[in-house]
Amino acid sequence: VGGDDRDVVERCWDLKSLNHLYQRFLSKWEPNYHRCAETLVKGDGLSPAECFAQRFWITHEYSPFPRLDPNLPSALVPDGWLGDKAAAVFNGYRSLLSERSSEFIESTLRDPNNARK
């Protein structure tokens, strides 16, 4: 990939700013993801309601990225690109939260007045 391709990319997308947004996302969510993974191994962790809330918020905060990120080949992104890592944290954390989050949704649909348990 020649320099001309990188010039076109720089004119079309502000990847440095996008990478900064990825860094902010990772700073907030990566520690939560690792803590959650550790607590699952120990057998304790977030309640179903907390899992639902965390899953909602991480989805909300990640949702702009698919519209902003052009998903360029690795040869065209800047050094230190965090898009792939952010996607891995997002998908991994949502997956960890999924089962208990679904428990909360199902219990809320069965008995909306006891959803806070």
N, C-alpha and C. Protein backbone atom coordinates (compact mmCIF):
# COMPACT_ATOMS: atom_id res chain seq x y z
N VAL A 1 0.86 -1.18 0.00
CA VAL A 1 0.00 0.00 0.00
C VAL A 1 0.89 1.23 0.00
N GLY A 2 0.72 2.05 -0.98
CA GLY A 2 1.58 3.21 -1.12
C GLY A 2 1.11 4.39 -0.28
N GLY A 3 1.94 5.41 -0.25
CA GLY A 3 1.65 6.62 0.49
C GLY A 3 0.39 7.32 -0.01
N ASP A 4 0.09 7.18 -1.28
CA ASP A 4 -1.10 7.82 -1.84
C ASP A 4 -2.38 7.33 -1.17
N ASP A 5 -2.44 6.04 -0.88
CA ASP A 5 -3.62 5.49 -0.21
C ASP A 5 -3.80 6.08 1.18
N ARG A 6 -2.72 6.22 1.91
CA ARG A 6 -2.79 6.81 3.25
C ARG A 6 -3.20 8.28 3.18
N ASP A 7 -2.76 8.98 2.15
CA ASP A 7 -3.17 10.38 1.97
C ASP A 7 -4.68 10.48 1.76
N VAL A 8 -5.21 9.59 0.94
CA VAL A 8 -6.66 9.57 0.70
C VAL A 8 -7.40 9.28 2.00
N VAL A 9 -6.92 8.31 2.75
CA VAL A 9 -7.55 7.96 4.03
C VAL A 9 -7.55 9.16 4.96
N GLU A 10 -6.42 9.86 5.06
CA GLU A 10 -6.33 11.02 5.96
C GLU A 10 -7.27 12.14 5.55
N ARG A 11 -7.51 12.29 4.26
CA ARG A 11 -8.44 13.32 3.79
C ARG A 11 -9.90 12.93 4.04
N CYS A 12 -10.17 11.64 4.05
CA CYS A 12 -11.56 11.17 4.18
C CYS A 12 -12.01 10.94 5.62
N TRP A 13 -11.10 10.54 6.49
CA TRP A 13 -11.48 10.19 7.86
C TRP A 13 -10.48 10.76 8.85
N ASP A 14 -10.99 11.19 9.96
CA ASP A 14 -10.15 11.68 11.06
C ASP A 14 -9.88 10.51 12.01
N LEU A 15 -8.98 9.63 11.60
CA LEU A 15 -8.72 8.41 12.36
C LEU A 15 -8.03 8.69 13.70
N LYS A 16 -7.27 9.78 13.79
CA LYS A 16 -6.64 10.11 15.07
C LYS A 16 -7.69 10.43 16.12
N SER A 17 -8.68 11.21 15.74
CA SER A 17 -9.77 11.53 16.69
C SER A 17 -10.58 10.29 17.02
N LEU A 18 -10.84 9.47 16.02
CA LEU A 18 -11.59 8.23 16.26
C LEU A 18 -10.81 7.32 17.19
N ASN A 19 -9.50 7.23 17.01
CA ASN A 19 -8.68 6.40 17.89
C ASN A 19 -8.71 6.92 19.32
N HIS A 20 -8.75 8.24 19.46
CA HIS A 20 -8.88 8.84 20.79
C HIS A 20 -10.22 8.45 21.43
N LEU A 21 -11.28 8.43 20.66
CA LEU A 21 -12.59 7.99 21.18
C LEU A 21 -12.54 6.52 21.59
N TYR A 22 -11.85 5.71 20.80
CA TYR A 22 -11.68 4.30 21.17
C TYR A 22 -10.91 4.20 22.49
N GLN A 23 -9.89 5.02 22.66
CA GLN A 23 -9.11 5.00 23.90
C GLN A 23 -9.98 5.34 25.10
N ARG A 24 -10.82 6.35 24.96
CA ARG A 24 -11.72 6.71 26.06
C ARG A 24 -12.69 5.58 26.38
N PHE A 25 -13.22 4.95 25.35
CA PHE A 25 -14.11 3.81 25.53
C PHE A 25 -13.40 2.69 26.29
N LEU A 26 -12.20 2.36 25.85
CA LEU A 26 -11.44 1.29 26.49
C LEU A 26 -11.06 1.63 27.93
N SER A 27 -10.71 2.87 28.18
CA SER A 27 -10.36 3.28 29.54
C SER A 27 -11.51 3.05 30.51
N LYS A 28 -12.71 3.26 30.02
CA LYS A 28 -13.89 3.07 30.88
C LYS A 28 -14.30 1.61 30.98
N TRP A 29 -14.36 0.91 29.85
CA TRP A 29 -15.01 -0.40 29.83
C TRP A 29 -14.07 -1.60 29.97
N GLU A 30 -12.82 -1.47 29.58
CA GLU A 30 -11.93 -2.63 29.68
C GLU A 30 -11.73 -3.09 31.12
N PRO A 31 -11.53 -2.19 32.10
CA PRO A 31 -11.41 -2.67 33.49
C PRO A 31 -12.68 -3.37 33.98
N ASN A 32 -13.84 -2.85 33.60
CA ASN A 32 -15.11 -3.50 34.00
C ASN A 32 -15.21 -4.90 33.40
N TYR A 33 -14.79 -5.01 32.16
CA TYR A 33 -14.83 -6.30 31.48
C TYR A 33 -13.96 -7.33 32.20
N HIS A 34 -12.75 -6.93 32.55
CA HIS A 34 -11.84 -7.87 33.23
C HIS A 34 -12.35 -8.23 34.63
N ARG A 35 -12.89 -7.24 35.35
CA ARG A 35 -13.47 -7.52 36.67
C ARG A 35 -14.63 -8.50 36.55
N CYS A 36 -15.48 -8.28 35.58
CA CYS A 36 -16.64 -9.16 35.38
C CYS A 36 -16.19 -10.58 35.04
N ALA A 37 -15.20 -10.71 34.18
CA ALA A 37 -14.68 -12.03 33.81
C ALA A 37 -14.11 -12.74 35.03
N GLU A 38 -13.39 -12.01 35.88
CA GLU A 38 -12.82 -12.60 37.10
C GLU A 38 -13.91 -13.06 38.06
N THR A 39 -14.95 -12.27 38.24
CA THR A 39 -16.01 -12.64 39.18
C THR A 39 -16.80 -13.84 38.68
N LEU A 40 -16.92 -14.00 37.37
CA LEU A 40 -17.61 -15.18 36.85
C LEU A 40 -16.83 -16.45 37.17
N VAL A 41 -15.52 -16.36 37.10
CA VAL A 41 -14.69 -17.52 37.42
C VAL A 41 -14.88 -17.90 38.90
N LYS A 42 -15.01 -16.89 39.76
CA LYS A 42 -15.18 -17.13 41.19
C LYS A 42 -16.61 -17.56 41.53
N GLY A 43 -17.54 -17.33 40.61
CA GLY A 43 -18.92 -17.72 40.86
C GLY A 43 -19.78 -16.63 41.47
N ASP A 44 -19.26 -15.44 41.60
CA ASP A 44 -20.09 -14.34 42.08
C ASP A 44 -20.09 -13.26 41.01
N GLY A 45 -20.63 -12.13 41.32
CA GLY A 45 -20.59 -11.07 40.31
C GLY A 45 -21.82 -10.20 40.35
N LEU A 46 -22.10 -9.60 39.23
CA LEU A 46 -23.19 -8.66 39.12
C LEU A 46 -24.55 -9.38 39.17
N SER A 47 -25.52 -8.69 39.72
CA SER A 47 -26.88 -9.22 39.72
C SER A 47 -27.43 -9.16 38.30
N PRO A 48 -28.52 -9.88 38.04
CA PRO A 48 -29.12 -9.79 36.70
C PRO A 48 -29.48 -8.35 36.31
N ALA A 49 -29.99 -7.56 37.25
CA ALA A 49 -30.34 -6.17 36.94
C ALA A 49 -29.09 -5.36 36.61
N GLU A 50 -28.00 -5.59 37.34
CA GLU A 50 -26.75 -4.88 37.06
C GLU A 50 -26.18 -5.29 35.70
N CYS A 51 -26.30 -6.57 35.38
CA CYS A 51 -25.83 -7.05 34.07
C CYS A 51 -26.63 -6.38 32.96
N PHE A 52 -27.93 -6.28 33.14
CA PHE A 52 -28.76 -5.61 32.14
C PHE A 52 -28.33 -4.16 31.97
N ALA A 53 -28.13 -3.46 33.09
CA ALA A 53 -27.74 -2.05 33.02
C ALA A 53 -26.38 -1.89 32.35
N GLN A 54 -25.40 -2.71 32.71
CA GLN A 54 -24.08 -2.63 32.10
C GLN A 54 -24.15 -2.92 30.61
N ARG A 55 -24.92 -3.93 30.25
CA ARG A 55 -25.06 -4.29 28.83
C ARG A 55 -25.72 -3.15 28.05
N PHE A 56 -26.71 -2.52 28.65
CA PHE A 56 -27.36 -1.38 28.01
C PHE A 56 -26.36 -0.25 27.79
N TRP A 57 -25.60 0.11 28.84
CA TRP A 57 -24.71 1.26 28.74
C TRP A 57 -23.53 1.03 27.81
N ILE A 58 -22.96 -0.18 27.84
CA ILE A 58 -21.83 -0.42 26.93
C ILE A 58 -22.33 -0.40 25.48
N THR A 59 -23.52 -0.92 25.23
CA THR A 59 -24.09 -0.88 23.89
C THR A 59 -24.34 0.56 23.45
N HIS A 60 -24.88 1.35 24.35
CA HIS A 60 -25.14 2.76 24.06
C HIS A 60 -23.84 3.50 23.73
N GLU A 61 -22.81 3.26 24.51
CA GLU A 61 -21.55 3.99 24.30
C GLU A 61 -20.76 3.49 23.10
N TYR A 62 -20.96 2.24 22.72
CA TYR A 62 -20.25 1.71 21.56
C TYR A 62 -21.00 2.01 20.25
N SER A 63 -22.27 2.27 20.34
CA SER A 63 -23.12 2.37 19.14
C SER A 63 -22.66 3.37 18.07
N PRO A 64 -21.98 4.48 18.39
CA PRO A 64 -21.53 5.36 17.31
C PRO A 64 -20.39 4.79 16.47
N PHE A 65 -19.61 3.89 17.03
CA PHE A 65 -18.41 3.43 16.34
C PHE A 65 -18.67 2.76 14.99
N PRO A 66 -19.66 1.89 14.86
CA PRO A 66 -19.87 1.29 13.53
C PRO A 66 -20.19 2.32 12.43
N ARG A 67 -20.75 3.45 12.81
CA ARG A 67 -21.03 4.50 11.82
C ARG A 67 -19.81 5.37 11.54
N LEU A 68 -18.90 5.47 12.51
CA LEU A 68 -17.73 6.33 12.38
C LEU A 68 -16.51 5.62 11.78
N ASP A 69 -16.38 4.35 12.07
CA ASP A 69 -15.19 3.60 11.69
C ASP A 69 -15.35 3.03 10.28
N PRO A 70 -14.44 3.39 9.36
CA PRO A 70 -14.55 2.88 7.99
C PRO A 70 -14.09 1.43 7.83
N ASN A 71 -13.61 0.82 8.91
CA ASN A 71 -13.14 -0.58 8.87
C ASN A 71 -12.13 -0.81 7.75
N LEU A 72 -11.11 -0.01 7.79
CA LEU A 72 -10.06 -0.10 6.78
C LEU A 72 -9.11 -1.26 7.08
N PRO A 73 -8.40 -1.73 6.07
CA PRO A 73 -7.39 -2.77 6.31
C PRO A 73 -6.29 -2.24 7.23
N SER A 74 -5.66 -3.14 7.93
CA SER A 74 -4.65 -2.74 8.92
C SER A 74 -3.53 -1.90 8.30
N ALA A 75 -3.24 -2.07 7.04
CA ALA A 75 -2.18 -1.29 6.39
C ALA A 75 -2.54 0.19 6.27
N LEU A 76 -3.83 0.52 6.42
CA LEU A 76 -4.25 1.91 6.23
C LEU A 76 -4.62 2.64 7.52
N VAL A 77 -4.64 1.92 8.63
CA VAL A 77 -4.95 2.59 9.90
C VAL A 77 -3.65 3.03 10.56
N PRO A 78 -3.72 4.05 11.43
CA PRO A 78 -2.50 4.54 12.07
C PRO A 78 -1.92 3.51 13.04
N ASP A 79 -0.64 3.65 13.32
CA ASP A 79 0.01 2.82 14.34
C ASP A 79 -0.73 3.01 15.65
N GLY A 80 -0.86 1.93 16.40
CA GLY A 80 -1.54 2.01 17.69
C GLY A 80 -3.06 2.05 17.57
N TRP A 81 -3.60 1.57 16.46
CA TRP A 81 -5.04 1.59 16.22
C TRP A 81 -5.77 0.74 17.26
N LEU A 82 -6.82 1.27 17.85
CA LEU A 82 -7.52 0.60 18.95
C LEU A 82 -8.90 0.08 18.56
N GLY A 83 -9.29 0.23 17.32
CA GLY A 83 -10.62 -0.19 16.89
C GLY A 83 -10.88 -1.67 17.12
N ASP A 84 -9.92 -2.51 16.78
CA ASP A 84 -10.11 -3.95 16.94
C ASP A 84 -10.19 -4.33 18.42
N LYS A 85 -9.36 -3.71 19.23
CA LYS A 85 -9.38 -4.00 20.67
C LYS A 85 -10.70 -3.55 21.28
N ALA A 86 -11.18 -2.39 20.89
CA ALA A 86 -12.46 -1.89 21.41
C ALA A 86 -13.60 -2.84 21.02
N ALA A 87 -13.58 -3.32 19.79
CA ALA A 87 -14.60 -4.26 19.34
C ALA A 87 -14.54 -5.56 20.15
N ALA A 88 -13.34 -6.03 20.44
CA ALA A 88 -13.18 -7.26 21.22
C ALA A 88 -13.70 -7.08 22.64
N VAL A 89 -13.40 -5.94 23.26
CA VAL A 89 -13.90 -5.67 24.62
C VAL A 89 -15.43 -5.56 24.59
N PHE A 90 -15.96 -4.83 23.62
CA PHE A 90 -17.41 -4.68 23.50
C PHE A 90 -18.09 -6.04 23.35
N ASN A 91 -17.64 -6.83 22.39
CA ASN A 91 -18.28 -8.13 22.14
C ASN A 91 -18.07 -9.10 23.30
N GLY A 92 -16.88 -9.10 23.88
CA GLY A 92 -16.61 -9.99 25.00
C GLY A 92 -17.43 -9.64 26.23
N TYR A 93 -17.52 -8.35 26.53
CA TYR A 93 -18.26 -7.94 27.72
C TYR A 93 -19.76 -8.18 27.54
N ARG A 94 -20.29 -7.85 26.38
CA ARG A 94 -21.71 -8.11 26.12
C ARG A 94 -22.00 -9.60 26.25
N SER A 95 -21.09 -10.42 25.77
CA SER A 95 -21.28 -11.86 25.86
C SER A 95 -21.29 -12.34 27.31
N LEU A 96 -20.36 -11.80 28.12
CA LEU A 96 -20.33 -12.15 29.54
C LEU A 96 -21.63 -11.76 30.26
N LEU A 97 -22.19 -10.64 29.88
CA LEU A 97 -23.38 -10.11 30.54
C LEU A 97 -24.68 -10.71 30.01
N SER A 98 -24.62 -11.35 28.88
CA SER A 98 -25.82 -11.76 28.16
C SER A 98 -26.77 -12.64 28.96
N GLU A 99 -26.27 -13.72 29.53
CA GLU A 99 -27.15 -14.68 30.21
C GLU A 99 -27.86 -14.04 31.40
N ARG A 100 -27.11 -13.36 32.26
CA ARG A 100 -27.74 -12.74 33.44
C ARG A 100 -28.62 -11.57 33.06
N SER A 101 -28.27 -10.86 32.00
CA SER A 101 -29.11 -9.78 31.50
C SER A 101 -30.45 -10.34 31.01
N SER A 102 -30.41 -11.46 30.32
CA SER A 102 -31.64 -12.12 29.85
C SER A 102 -32.49 -12.58 31.02
N GLU A 103 -31.85 -13.05 32.09
CA GLU A 103 -32.59 -13.43 33.30
C GLU A 103 -33.39 -12.24 33.83
N PHE A 104 -32.76 -11.08 33.86
CA PHE A 104 -33.44 -9.88 34.33
C PHE A 104 -34.63 -9.55 33.44
N ILE A 105 -34.45 -9.61 32.14
CA ILE A 105 -35.53 -9.29 31.21
C ILE A 105 -36.69 -10.27 31.40
N GLU A 106 -36.38 -11.56 31.46
CA GLU A 106 -37.43 -12.57 31.63
C GLU A 106 -38.17 -12.40 32.95
N SER A 107 -37.45 -12.15 34.03
CA SER A 107 -38.12 -11.97 35.33
C SER A 107 -38.96 -10.70 35.35
N THR A 108 -38.50 -9.66 34.66
CA THR A 108 -39.26 -8.41 34.58
C THR A 108 -40.54 -8.62 33.79
N LEU A 109 -40.45 -9.37 32.72
CA LEU A 109 -41.65 -9.64 31.93
C LEU A 109 -42.65 -10.51 32.68
N ARG A 110 -42.14 -11.44 33.50
CA ARG A 110 -43.02 -12.28 34.31
C ARG A 110 -43.67 -11.50 35.43
N ASP A 111 -42.88 -10.67 36.11
CA ASP A 111 -43.37 -9.94 37.29
C ASP A 111 -42.74 -8.56 37.35
N PRO A 112 -43.32 -7.59 36.64
CA PRO A 112 -42.72 -6.25 36.58
C PRO A 112 -42.56 -5.58 37.94
N ASN A 113 -43.36 -5.95 38.91
CA ASN A 113 -43.28 -5.30 40.23
C ASN A 113 -42.11 -5.82 41.06
N ASN A 114 -41.54 -6.96 40.70
CA ASN A 114 -40.40 -7.51 41.44
C ASN A 114 -39.11 -7.43 40.66
N ALA A 115 -39.04 -6.59 39.66
CA ALA A 115 -37.88 -6.52 38.77
C ALA A 115 -36.62 -6.02 39.45
N ARG A 116 -36.74 -5.39 40.57
CA ARG A 116 -35.56 -4.79 41.22
C ARG A 116 -34.77 -5.76 42.07
N LYS A 117 -35.18 -6.97 42.15
CA LYS A 117 -34.46 -7.97 42.97
C LYS A 117 -33.15 -8.34 42.34
